[in-house]
All heavy atoms as atom14 arrays in JSON, in Angstrom:
{
  "sequence": "FRSISFVAGWLLIITTQVLGYGWAGLLRSYVVEPAHMWWPSTL",
  "atom14_mask": [
    [1, 1, 1, 1, 1, 1, 1, 1, 1, 1, 1, 0, 0, 0],
    [1, 1, 1, 1, 1, 1, 1, 1, 1, 1, 1, 0, 0, 0],
    [1, 1, 1, 1, 1, 1, 0, 0, 0, 0, 0, 0, 0, 0],
    [1, 1, 1, 1, 1, 1, 1, 1, 0, 0, 0, 0, 0, 0],
    [1, 1, 1, 1, 1, 1, 0, 0, 0, 0, 0, 0, 0, 0],
    [1, 1, 1, 1, 1, 1, 1, 1, 1, 1, 1, 0, 0, 0],
    [1, 1, 1, 1, 1, 1, 1, 0, 0, 0, 0, 0, 0, 0],
    [1, 1, 1, 1, 1, 0, 0, 0, 0, 0, 0, 0, 0, 0],
    [1, 1, 1, 1, 0, 0, 0, 0, 0, 0, 0, 0, 0, 0],
    [1, 1, 1, 1, 1, 1, 1, 1, 1, 1, 1, 1, 1, 1],
    [1, 1, 1, 1, 1, 1, 1, 1, 0, 0, 0, 0, 0, 0],
    [1, 1, 1, 1, 1, 1, 1, 1, 0, 0, 0, 0, 0, 0],
    [1, 1, 1, 1, 1, 1, 1, 1, 0, 0, 0, 0, 0, 0],
    [1, 1, 1, 1, 1, 1, 1, 1, 0, 0, 0, 0, 0, 0],
    [1, 1, 1, 1, 1, 1, 1, 0, 0, 0, 0, 0, 0, 0],
    [1, 1, 1, 1, 1, 1, 1, 0, 0, 0, 0, 0, 0, 0],
    [1, 1, 1, 1, 1, 1, 1, 1, 1, 0, 0, 0, 0, 0],
    [1, 1, 1, 1, 1, 1, 1, 0, 0, 0, 0, 0, 0, 0],
    [1, 1, 1, 1, 1, 1, 1, 1, 0, 0, 0, 0, 0, 0],
    [1, 1, 1, 1, 0, 0, 0, 0, 0, 0, 0, 0, 0, 0],
    [1, 1, 1, 1, 1, 1, 1, 1, 1, 1, 1, 1, 0, 0],
    [1, 1, 1, 1, 0, 0, 0, 0, 0, 0, 0, 0, 0, 0],
    [1, 1, 1, 1, 1, 1, 1, 1, 1, 1, 1, 1, 1, 1],
    [1, 1, 1, 1, 1, 0, 0, 0, 0, 0, 0, 0, 0, 0],
    [1, 1, 1, 1, 0, 0, 0, 0, 0, 0, 0, 0, 0, 0],
    [1, 1, 1, 1, 1, 1, 1, 1, 0, 0, 0, 0, 0, 0],
    [1, 1, 1, 1, 1, 1, 1, 1, 0, 0, 0, 0, 0, 0],
    [1, 1, 1, 1, 1, 1, 1, 1, 1, 1, 1, 0, 0, 0],
    [1, 1, 1, 1, 1, 1, 0, 0, 0, 0, 0, 0, 0, 0],
    [1, 1, 1, 1, 1, 1, 1, 1, 1, 1, 1, 1, 0, 0],
    [1, 1, 1, 1, 1, 1, 1, 0, 0, 0, 0, 0, 0, 0],
    [1, 1, 1, 1, 1, 1, 1, 0, 0, 0, 0, 0, 0, 0],
    [1, 1, 1, 1, 1, 1, 1, 1, 1, 0, 0, 0, 0, 0],
    [1, 1, 1, 1, 1, 1, 1, 0, 0, 0, 0, 0, 0, 0],
    [1, 1, 1, 1, 1, 0, 0, 0, 0, 0, 0, 0, 0, 0],
    [1, 1, 1, 1, 1, 1, 1, 1, 1, 1, 0, 0, 0, 0],
    [1, 1, 1, 1, 1, 1, 1, 1, 0, 0, 0, 0, 0, 0],
    [1, 1, 1, 1, 1, 1, 1, 1, 1, 1, 1, 1, 1, 1],
    [1, 1, 1, 1, 1, 1, 1, 1, 1, 1, 1, 1, 1, 1],
    [1, 1, 1, 1, 1, 1, 1, 0, 0, 0, 0, 0, 0, 0],
    [1, 1, 1, 1, 1, 1, 0, 0, 0, 0, 0, 0, 0, 0],
    [1, 1, 1, 1, 1, 1, 1, 0, 0, 0, 0, 0, 0, 0],
    [1, 1, 1, 1, 1, 1, 1, 1, 0, 0, 0, 0, 0, 0]
  ],
  "atom14_positions": [
    [[-15.75, -29.33, -5.08], [-16.56, -30.56, -4.83], [-15.62, -31.76, -4.27], [-15.69, -32.89, -4.69], [-17.19, -31.06, -6.18], [-18.0, -29.96, -6.81], [-17.58, -29.23, -7.94], [-19.27, -29.49, -6.23], [-18.43, -28.23, -8.5], [-19.95, -28.57, -6.73], [-19.49, -27.86, -7.9], [0.0, 0.0, 0.0], [0.0, 0.0, 0.0], [0.0, 0.0, 0.0]],
    [[-14.8, -31.34, -3.45], [-13.92, -32.36, -2.73], [-14.36, -32.39, -1.33], [-15.37, -31.7, -0.78], [-12.46, -31.94, -2.76], [-11.87, -31.93, -4.12], [-11.93, -33.29, -4.86], [-10.89, -33.41, -5.91], [-11.04, -33.01, -7.14], [-12.23, -32.4, -7.51], [-10.14, -33.17, -8.09], [0.0, 0.0, 0.0], [0.0, 0.0, 0.0], [0.0, 0.0, 0.0]],
    [[-13.67, -33.22, -0.54], [-14.12, -33.36, 0.94], [-13.0, -32.92, 1.83], [-11.78, -33.03, 1.49], [-14.64, -34.79, 1.18], [-13.46, -35.65, 0.96], [0.0, 0.0, 0.0], [0.0, 0.0, 0.0], [0.0, 0.0, 0.0], [0.0, 0.0, 0.0], [0.0, 0.0, 0.0], [0.0, 0.0, 0.0], [0.0, 0.0, 0.0], [0.0, 0.0, 0.0]],
    [[-13.35, -32.55, 3.02], [-12.41, -32.29, 4.1], [-13.22, -32.7, 5.45], [-14.43, -32.5, 5.58], [-12.0, -30.73, 4.19], [-11.06, -30.56, 5.23], [-13.17, -29.85, 4.3], [-10.38, -29.17, 5.25], [0.0, 0.0, 0.0], [0.0, 0.0, 0.0], [0.0, 0.0, 0.0], [0.0, 0.0, 0.0], [0.0, 0.0, 0.0], [0.0, 0.0, 0.0]],
    [[-12.43, -33.15, 6.35], [-13.12, -33.68, 7.53], [-13.36, -32.53, 8.46], [-12.7, -31.46, 8.44], [-12.24, -34.7, 8.33], [-11.03, -34.08, 8.77], [0.0, 0.0, 0.0], [0.0, 0.0, 0.0], [0.0, 0.0, 0.0], [0.0, 0.0, 0.0], [0.0, 0.0, 0.0], [0.0, 0.0, 0.0], [0.0, 0.0, 0.0], [0.0, 0.0, 0.0]],
    [[-14.35, -32.67, 9.33], [-14.65, -31.59, 10.3], [-13.6, -31.29, 11.2], [-13.26, -30.17, 11.55], [-15.92, -32.11, 11.11], [-16.49, -30.98, 11.98], [-17.49, -30.12, 11.49], [-16.09, -30.73, 13.21], [-17.99, -29.15, 12.27], [-16.59, -29.74, 14.11], [-17.53, -28.88, 13.61], [0.0, 0.0, 0.0], [0.0, 0.0, 0.0], [0.0, 0.0, 0.0]],
    [[-12.84, -32.37, 11.64], [-11.73, -32.19, 12.49], [-10.61, -31.34, 11.91], [-10.04, -30.43, 12.52], [-11.14, -33.56, 12.98], [-9.84, -33.33, 13.82], [-12.16, -34.26, 13.85], [0.0, 0.0, 0.0], [0.0, 0.0, 0.0], [0.0, 0.0, 0.0], [0.0, 0.0, 0.0], [0.0, 0.0, 0.0], [0.0, 0.0, 0.0], [0.0, 0.0, 0.0]],
    [[-10.31, -31.74, 10.71], [-9.23, -30.93, 9.94], [-9.69, -29.54, 9.8], [-8.84, -28.53, 9.86], [-9.02, -31.57, 8.57], [0.0, 0.0, 0.0], [0.0, 0.0, 0.0], [0.0, 0.0, 0.0], [0.0, 0.0, 0.0], [0.0, 0.0, 0.0], [0.0, 0.0, 0.0], [0.0, 0.0, 0.0], [0.0, 0.0, 0.0], [0.0, 0.0, 0.0]],
    [[-10.93, -29.29, 9.4], [-11.4, -27.9, 9.3], [-11.4, -27.09, 10.6], [-11.03, -26.01, 10.62], [0.0, 0.0, 0.0], [0.0, 0.0, 0.0], [0.0, 0.0, 0.0], [0.0, 0.0, 0.0], [0.0, 0.0, 0.0], [0.0, 0.0, 0.0], [0.0, 0.0, 0.0], [0.0, 0.0, 0.0], [0.0, 0.0, 0.0], [0.0, 0.0, 0.0]],
    [[-11.66, -27.78, 11.71], [-11.78, -27.15, 12.97], [-10.23, -26.75, 13.33], [-10.05, -25.7, 13.78], [-12.34, -28.05, 14.05], [-12.54, -27.36, 15.36], [-13.48, -26.57, 15.74], [-11.65, -27.43, 16.52], [-13.29, -26.05, 17.14], [-12.19, -26.66, 17.51], [-10.43, -28.26, 16.75], [-11.49, -26.62, 18.82], [-9.82, -28.12, 17.93], [-10.37, -27.3, 19.0]],
    [[-9.39, -27.66, 13.19], [-7.96, -27.43, 13.57], [-7.36, -26.21, 12.67], [-6.69, -25.36, 13.12], [-7.12, -28.59, 13.29], [-7.34, -29.81, 14.27], [-6.49, -31.03, 13.93], [-7.03, -29.32, 15.73], [0.0, 0.0, 0.0], [0.0, 0.0, 0.0], [0.0, 0.0, 0.0], [0.0, 0.0, 0.0], [0.0, 0.0, 0.0], [0.0, 0.0, 0.0]],
    [[-7.8, -26.17, 11.39], [-7.31, -25.17, 10.5], [-7.85, -23.82, 11.01], [-7.11, -22.83, 11.04], [-7.74, -25.52, 9.12], [-7.45, -24.54, 8.0], [-5.85, -24.37, 7.8], [-8.03, -24.86, 6.66], [0.0, 0.0, 0.0], [0.0, 0.0, 0.0], [0.0, 0.0, 0.0], [0.0, 0.0, 0.0], [0.0, 0.0, 0.0], [0.0, 0.0, 0.0]],
    [[-9.1, -23.73, 11.3], [-9.74, -22.48, 11.68], [-9.2, -21.99, 13.09], [-8.71, -20.77, 13.18], [-11.25, -22.65, 11.87], [-11.88, -22.71, 10.38], [-11.84, -21.45, 12.55], [-13.26, -23.16, 10.42], [0.0, 0.0, 0.0], [0.0, 0.0, 0.0], [0.0, 0.0, 0.0], [0.0, 0.0, 0.0], [0.0, 0.0, 0.0], [0.0, 0.0, 0.0]],
    [[-9.04, -22.89, 13.97], [-8.64, -22.48, 15.37], [-7.12, -21.99, 15.37], [-6.77, -21.04, 15.93], [-8.82, -23.62, 16.39], [-10.32, -23.88, 16.54], [-8.23, -23.17, 17.76], [-11.15, -22.69, 16.83], [0.0, 0.0, 0.0], [0.0, 0.0, 0.0], [0.0, 0.0, 0.0], [0.0, 0.0, 0.0], [0.0, 0.0, 0.0], [0.0, 0.0, 0.0]],
    [[-6.3, -22.82, 14.67], [-4.86, -22.5, 14.61], [-4.58, -21.2, 13.9], [-3.77, -20.36, 14.31], [-4.0, -23.6, 14.07], [-4.56, -23.91, 12.73], [-4.08, -24.85, 14.91], [0.0, 0.0, 0.0], [0.0, 0.0, 0.0], [0.0, 0.0, 0.0], [0.0, 0.0, 0.0], [0.0, 0.0, 0.0], [0.0, 0.0, 0.0], [0.0, 0.0, 0.0]],
    [[-5.3, -20.9, 12.8], [-5.02, -19.64, 12.13], [-5.64, -18.54, 12.85], [-5.0, -17.43, 12.7], [-5.78, -19.7, 10.64], [-7.12, -20.04, 10.81], [-5.12, -20.69, 9.75], [0.0, 0.0, 0.0], [0.0, 0.0, 0.0], [0.0, 0.0, 0.0], [0.0, 0.0, 0.0], [0.0, 0.0, 0.0], [0.0, 0.0, 0.0], [0.0, 0.0, 0.0]],
    [[-6.57, -18.69, 13.74], [-7.16, -17.55, 14.47], [-6.3, -17.28, 15.73], [-6.19, -16.15, 16.11], [-8.66, -17.95, 14.85], [-9.63, -17.96, 13.74], [-9.93, -16.68, 13.19], [-9.32, -16.28, 12.13], [-10.76, -15.88, 13.81], [0.0, 0.0, 0.0], [0.0, 0.0, 0.0], [0.0, 0.0, 0.0], [0.0, 0.0, 0.0], [0.0, 0.0, 0.0]],
    [[-5.62, -18.25, 16.31], [-4.98, -18.16, 17.49], [-3.46, -17.96, 17.39], [-2.85, -17.27, 18.25], [-5.19, -19.38, 18.39], [-4.42, -19.3, 19.75], [-6.77, -19.38, 18.8], [0.0, 0.0, 0.0], [0.0, 0.0, 0.0], [0.0, 0.0, 0.0], [0.0, 0.0, 0.0], [0.0, 0.0, 0.0], [0.0, 0.0, 0.0], [0.0, 0.0, 0.0]],
    [[-2.9, -18.36, 16.3], [-1.5, -18.3, 16.09], [-0.89, -17.0, 16.39], [0.12, -16.87, 17.09], [-1.09, -18.83, 14.65], [0.37, -18.91, 14.29], [1.09, -19.83, 15.16], [0.53, -19.2, 12.84], [0.0, 0.0, 0.0], [0.0, 0.0, 0.0], [0.0, 0.0, 0.0], [0.0, 0.0, 0.0], [0.0, 0.0, 0.0], [0.0, 0.0, 0.0]],
    [[-1.43, -15.93, 15.81], [-0.85, -14.55, 16.0], [-0.91, -14.08, 17.38], [-0.14, -13.19, 17.72], [0.0, 0.0, 0.0], [0.0, 0.0, 0.0], [0.0, 0.0, 0.0], [0.0, 0.0, 0.0], [0.0, 0.0, 0.0], [0.0, 0.0, 0.0], [0.0, 0.0, 0.0], [0.0, 0.0, 0.0], [0.0, 0.0, 0.0], [0.0, 0.0, 0.0]],
    [[-1.79, -14.59, 18.28], [-2.01, -14.17, 19.69], [-0.59, -14.47, 20.38], [-0.24, -13.73, 21.29], [-3.02, -14.9, 20.34], [-4.41, -14.5, 19.89], [-5.61, -15.14, 20.49], [-4.55, -13.53, 18.99], [-6.76, -14.82, 20.1], [-5.9, -13.14, 18.63], [-6.99, -13.83, 19.15], [-8.21, -13.46, 18.75], [0.0, 0.0, 0.0], [0.0, 0.0, 0.0]],
    [[0.1, -15.57, 19.97], [1.32, -15.95, 20.67], [2.45, -14.91, 20.62], [2.93, -14.5, 21.71], [0.0, 0.0, 0.0], [0.0, 0.0, 0.0], [0.0, 0.0, 0.0], [0.0, 0.0, 0.0], [0.0, 0.0, 0.0], [0.0, 0.0, 0.0], [0.0, 0.0, 0.0], [0.0, 0.0, 0.0], [0.0, 0.0, 0.0], [0.0, 0.0, 0.0]],
    [[2.65, -14.34, 19.45], [3.82, -13.38, 19.51], [3.21, -11.95, 19.61], [3.93, -11.06, 20.08], [4.61, -13.36, 18.07], [3.7, -13.21, 16.85], [3.14, -12.09, 16.4], [3.46, -14.3, 15.9], [2.51, -12.31, 15.18], [2.72, -13.63, 14.86], [3.81, -15.63, 15.68], [2.32, -14.34, 13.74], [3.33, -16.27, 14.61], [2.53, -15.62, 13.61]],
    [[1.79, -11.73, 19.41], [1.28, -10.39, 19.73], [1.49, -10.05, 21.09], [1.76, -8.89, 21.52], [-0.19, -10.38, 19.21], [0.0, 0.0, 0.0], [0.0, 0.0, 0.0], [0.0, 0.0, 0.0], [0.0, 0.0, 0.0], [0.0, 0.0, 0.0], [0.0, 0.0, 0.0], [0.0, 0.0, 0.0], [0.0, 0.0, 0.0], [0.0, 0.0, 0.0]],
    [[1.24, -10.97, 22.08], [1.32, -10.69, 23.48], [2.68, -10.28, 23.89], [2.91, -9.43, 24.78], [0.0, 0.0, 0.0], [0.0, 0.0, 0.0], [0.0, 0.0, 0.0], [0.0, 0.0, 0.0], [0.0, 0.0, 0.0], [0.0, 0.0, 0.0], [0.0, 0.0, 0.0], [0.0, 0.0, 0.0], [0.0, 0.0, 0.0], [0.0, 0.0, 0.0]],
    [[3.76, -10.76, 23.18], [5.08, -10.36, 23.48], [5.49, -8.99, 22.95], [6.51, -8.44, 23.34], [6.08, -11.43, 22.92], [5.82, -12.87, 23.33], [6.73, -13.82, 22.59], [6.01, -13.02, 24.83], [0.0, 0.0, 0.0], [0.0, 0.0, 0.0], [0.0, 0.0, 0.0], [0.0, 0.0, 0.0], [0.0, 0.0, 0.0], [0.0, 0.0, 0.0]],
    [[4.56, -8.44, 22.06], [4.86, -7.13, 21.55], [4.14, -5.95, 22.25], [4.18, -4.8, 21.8], [4.42, -7.08, 20.04], [5.19, -8.06, 19.09], [4.66, -8.02, 17.67], [6.69, -7.81, 19.04], [0.0, 0.0, 0.0], [0.0, 0.0, 0.0], [0.0, 0.0, 0.0], [0.0, 0.0, 0.0], [0.0, 0.0, 0.0], [0.0, 0.0, 0.0]],
    [[3.38, -6.35, 23.29], [2.53, -5.32, 23.94], [3.44, -4.14, 24.47], [2.99, -3.0, 24.49], [1.85, -5.94, 25.07], [0.61, -6.92, 24.66], [-0.11, -7.43, 25.89], [0.78, -8.11, 26.77], [0.88, -8.05, 28.04], [0.05, -7.23, 28.64], [1.77, -8.76, 28.78], [0.0, 0.0, 0.0], [0.0, 0.0, 0.0], [0.0, 0.0, 0.0]],
    [[4.57, -4.43, 24.95], [5.4, -3.48, 25.56], [5.89, -2.42, 24.49], [6.26, -1.22, 24.78], [6.61, -3.97, 26.24], [7.41, -4.71, 25.34], [0.0, 0.0, 0.0], [0.0, 0.0, 0.0], [0.0, 0.0, 0.0], [0.0, 0.0, 0.0], [0.0, 0.0, 0.0], [0.0, 0.0, 0.0], [0.0, 0.0, 0.0], [0.0, 0.0, 0.0]],
    [[5.77, -2.81, 23.19], [6.26, -1.94, 22.16], [5.02, -1.05, 21.46], [5.27, -0.04, 21.12], [6.86, -2.71, 20.97], [8.11, -3.49, 21.51], [7.95, -4.83, 21.66], [9.36, -2.86, 21.7], [9.15, -5.64, 22.11], [10.48, -3.54, 22.11], [10.28, -4.88, 22.3], [11.38, -5.69, 22.66], [0.0, 0.0, 0.0], [0.0, 0.0, 0.0]],
    [[3.79, -1.75, 21.47], [2.85, -1.02, 20.72], [1.49, -0.84, 21.51], [0.54, -0.31, 20.99], [2.43, -1.81, 19.36], [3.58, -1.61, 18.49], [2.09, -3.29, 19.76], [0.0, 0.0, 0.0], [0.0, 0.0, 0.0], [0.0, 0.0, 0.0], [0.0, 0.0, 0.0], [0.0, 0.0, 0.0], [0.0, 0.0, 0.0], [0.0, 0.0, 0.0]],
    [[1.5, -1.24, 22.87], [0.32, -1.0, 23.63], [0.57, -0.03, 24.76], [-0.15, 0.98, 24.99], [-0.33, -2.33, 24.14], [-1.38, -2.02, 25.18], [-0.77, -3.25, 23.07], [0.0, 0.0, 0.0], [0.0, 0.0, 0.0], [0.0, 0.0, 0.0], [0.0, 0.0, 0.0], [0.0, 0.0, 0.0], [0.0, 0.0, 0.0], [0.0, 0.0, 0.0]],
    [[1.61, -0.28, 25.53], [1.99, 0.51, 26.7], [2.51, 1.9, 26.35], [2.1, 2.86, 26.98], [2.96, -0.28, 27.56], [2.48, -1.58, 28.17], [3.47, -2.31, 29.0], [4.69, -1.81, 29.04], [3.24, -3.4, 29.53], [0.0, 0.0, 0.0], [0.0, 0.0, 0.0], [0.0, 0.0, 0.0], [0.0, 0.0, 0.0], [0.0, 0.0, 0.0]],
    [[3.26, 2.06, 25.3], [3.7, 3.47, 24.99], [2.55, 4.46, 24.69], [1.73, 4.08, 23.99], [4.63, 3.29, 23.88], [5.06, 1.81, 23.87], [3.95, 1.05, 24.39], [0.0, 0.0, 0.0], [0.0, 0.0, 0.0], [0.0, 0.0, 0.0], [0.0, 0.0, 0.0], [0.0, 0.0, 0.0], [0.0, 0.0, 0.0], [0.0, 0.0, 0.0]],
    [[2.62, 5.58, 25.2], [1.55, 6.57, 25.08], [1.42, 7.03, 23.57], [0.31, 7.24, 23.1], [1.85, 7.76, 25.91], [0.0, 0.0, 0.0], [0.0, 0.0, 0.0], [0.0, 0.0, 0.0], [0.0, 0.0, 0.0], [0.0, 0.0, 0.0], [0.0, 0.0, 0.0], [0.0, 0.0, 0.0], [0.0, 0.0, 0.0], [0.0, 0.0, 0.0]],
    [[2.51, 7.05, 22.82], [2.55, 7.53, 21.44], [1.99, 6.45, 20.52], [1.74, 6.77, 19.35], [3.9, 7.98, 21.05], [4.34, 9.19, 21.7], [5.0, 9.24, 22.88], [4.23, 10.51, 21.31], [5.22, 10.44, 23.22], [4.77, 11.35, 22.35], [0.0, 0.0, 0.0], [0.0, 0.0, 0.0], [0.0, 0.0, 0.0], [0.0, 0.0, 0.0]],
    [[1.84, 5.26, 20.98], [1.16, 4.24, 20.18], [-0.3, 4.27, 20.63], [-0.71, 3.63, 21.53], [1.68, 2.83, 20.46], [3.1, 2.63, 20.16], [3.54, 2.65, 18.35], [4.59, 4.13, 18.24], [0.0, 0.0, 0.0], [0.0, 0.0, 0.0], [0.0, 0.0, 0.0], [0.0, 0.0, 0.0], [0.0, 0.0, 0.0], [0.0, 0.0, 0.0]],
    [[-1.14, 5.16, 20.0], [-2.41, 5.54, 20.51], [-3.58, 4.9, 19.84], [-4.67, 4.99, 20.34], [-2.53, 7.09, 20.47], [-2.46, 7.66, 19.16], [-1.42, 7.83, 18.28], [-3.57, 8.36, 18.39], [-1.7, 8.47, 17.08], [-3.05, 8.86, 17.18], [-4.89, 8.67, 18.77], [-3.77, 9.56, 16.25], [-5.63, 9.4, 17.84], [-5.13, 9.86, 16.59]],
    [[-3.43, 4.12, 18.83], [-4.5, 3.32, 18.08], [-5.78, 4.2, 17.93], [-6.74, 3.98, 18.69], [-4.79, 2.03, 18.95], [-3.62, 1.09, 19.0], [-2.55, 1.21, 19.89], [-3.36, -0.03, 18.17], [-1.64, 0.17, 19.65], [-2.14, -0.63, 18.59], [-4.05, -0.58, 17.18], [-1.6, -1.71, 18.08], [-3.56, -1.75, 16.6], [-2.34, -2.31, 16.99]],
    [[-5.9, 5.01, 16.98], [-7.09, 5.93, 16.8], [-8.37, 5.26, 16.86], [-9.35, 5.76, 17.3], [-6.76, 6.6, 15.46], [-5.32, 6.53, 15.31], [-4.88, 5.22, 15.92], [0.0, 0.0, 0.0], [0.0, 0.0, 0.0], [0.0, 0.0, 0.0], [0.0, 0.0, 0.0], [0.0, 0.0, 0.0], [0.0, 0.0, 0.0], [0.0, 0.0, 0.0]],
    [[-8.44, 4.05, 16.11], [-9.75, 3.36, 16.11], [-10.38, 3.04, 17.46], [-11.55, 2.85, 17.6], [-9.64, 2.1, 15.25], [-8.7, 1.14, 15.85], [0.0, 0.0, 0.0], [0.0, 0.0, 0.0], [0.0, 0.0, 0.0], [0.0, 0.0, 0.0], [0.0, 0.0, 0.0], [0.0, 0.0, 0.0], [0.0, 0.0, 0.0], [0.0, 0.0, 0.0]],
    [[-9.5, 2.82, 18.45], [-10.04, 2.42, 19.78], [-10.73, 3.62, 20.48], [-11.61, 3.41, 21.3], [-8.93, 1.96, 20.7], [-7.9, 2.95, 20.85], [-8.15, 0.75, 20.1], [0.0, 0.0, 0.0], [0.0, 0.0, 0.0], [0.0, 0.0, 0.0], [0.0, 0.0, 0.0], [0.0, 0.0, 0.0], [0.0, 0.0, 0.0], [0.0, 0.0, 0.0]],
    [[-10.46, 4.82, 20.04], [-11.05, 5.91, 20.62], [-12.54, 6.03, 20.25], [-13.26, 6.64, 21.14], [-10.33, 7.23, 20.19], [-8.82, 7.3, 20.61], [-8.26, 8.69, 20.16], [-8.6, 7.11, 22.14], [0.0, 0.0, 0.0], [0.0, 0.0, 0.0], [0.0, 0.0, 0.0], [0.0, 0.0, 0.0], [0.0, 0.0, 0.0], [0.0, 0.0, 0.0]]
  ]
}
């Protein structure tokens, strides 16, 4: 029963959702391009 502003809530949601994308993109050469990293769920 406290308050939080819409702006603070929006920044919190967007940053937590996007933050991991920054370093994930740099890891593509390790876990996306190699054939043996096959990600069963995508099949």
